[in-house]
Amino acid sequence: MGQGIASPIIGVTKAQHLDDAADALDLELTPEEGFSKEEPYLPHETVGPIDSNPPQAVLPLKSEEN
């Protein structure tokens, strides 16, 4: 929050869930509070099918001689 990140709300089953999510937009965190929320995150190496795919808009070129 507060970093310009947008994402869909998946799994909402009640109108109250949407109301709660909308109310969260009014929260204002201090920089210290924001950093404390990120502190437990530990990045890890990407594994699985996505690891073997090239980045978007990058296509492997085939060299074919006629």
Protein backbone atom coordinates (compact mmCIF):
# COMPACT_ATOMS: atom_id res chain seq x y z
CA MET A 1 0.00 0.00 0.00
CA GLY A 2 1.13 3.48 -0.69
CA GLN A 3 3.64 2.28 -3.28
CA GLY A 4 1.42 2.49 -6.36
CA ILE A 5 0.78 -1.24 -6.50
CA ALA A 6 -2.58 -2.45 -7.82
CA SER A 7 -3.92 -5.98 -7.81
CA PRO A 8 -7.26 -7.72 -8.23
CA ILE A 9 -9.26 -8.84 -5.22
CA ILE A 10 -9.52 -12.61 -5.70
CA GLY A 11 -11.83 -14.87 -3.75
CA VAL A 12 -14.32 -12.27 -2.57
CA THR A 13 -17.48 -14.06 -1.48
CA LYS A 14 -19.30 -11.31 0.43
CA ALA A 15 -19.98 -7.64 -0.19
CA GLN A 16 -18.37 -6.88 3.18
CA HIS A 17 -15.06 -8.20 1.82
CA LEU A 18 -15.13 -5.54 -0.90
CA ASP A 19 -16.10 -2.86 1.62
CA ASP A 20 -13.17 -3.86 3.86
CA ALA A 21 -10.76 -3.76 0.92
CA ALA A 22 -12.05 -0.33 -0.14
CA ASP A 23 -11.72 0.97 3.43
CA ALA A 24 -8.07 -0.12 3.43
CA LEU A 25 -7.39 2.52 0.76
CA ASP A 26 -7.91 5.20 3.41
CA LEU A 27 -5.16 3.83 5.66
CA GLU A 28 -1.96 5.83 5.82
CA LEU A 29 1.19 4.11 7.02
CA THR A 30 4.31 5.89 8.17
CA PRO A 31 7.47 4.87 6.30
CA GLU A 32 8.52 2.89 9.38
CA GLU A 33 5.23 0.96 9.40
CA GLY A 34 5.55 0.24 5.69
CA PHE A 35 9.09 -1.07 6.07
CA SER A 36 8.09 -3.20 9.06
CA LYS A 37 5.49 -4.95 6.87
CA GLU A 38 8.18 -5.82 4.29
CA GLU A 39 10.86 -6.83 6.79
CA PRO A 40 9.89 -10.54 7.09
CA TYR A 41 10.01 -11.00 3.28
CA LEU A 42 12.96 -13.07 2.07
CA PRO A 43 13.36 -13.26 -1.72
CA HIS A 44 14.11 -16.67 -3.15
CA GLU A 45 15.30 -18.08 -6.45
CA THR A 46 12.64 -18.55 -9.12
CA VAL A 47 12.02 -22.22 -9.86
CA GLY A 48 9.59 -24.10 -12.03
CA PRO A 49 8.14 -23.48 -15.49
CA ILE A 50 8.34 -19.69 -15.29
CA ASP A 51 12.09 -19.95 -14.70
CA SER A 52 12.66 -21.49 -18.16
CA ASN A 53 10.54 -18.96 -20.10
CA PRO A 54 12.22 -15.95 -21.72
CA PRO A 55 11.22 -12.47 -20.52
CA GLN A 56 8.20 -10.91 -22.23
CA ALA A 57 8.77 -9.55 -25.74
CA VAL A 58 11.99 -11.51 -26.12
CA LEU A 59 11.80 -14.18 -28.77
CA PRO A 60 14.65 -16.57 -29.52
CA LEU A 61 15.99 -16.04 -33.05
CA LYS A 62 16.54 -19.01 -35.32
CA SER A 63 19.41 -18.84 -37.70
CA GLU A 64 18.32 -20.52 -40.91
CA GLU A 65 20.47 -20.57 -44.01
CA ASN A 66 18.74 -21.07 -47.38
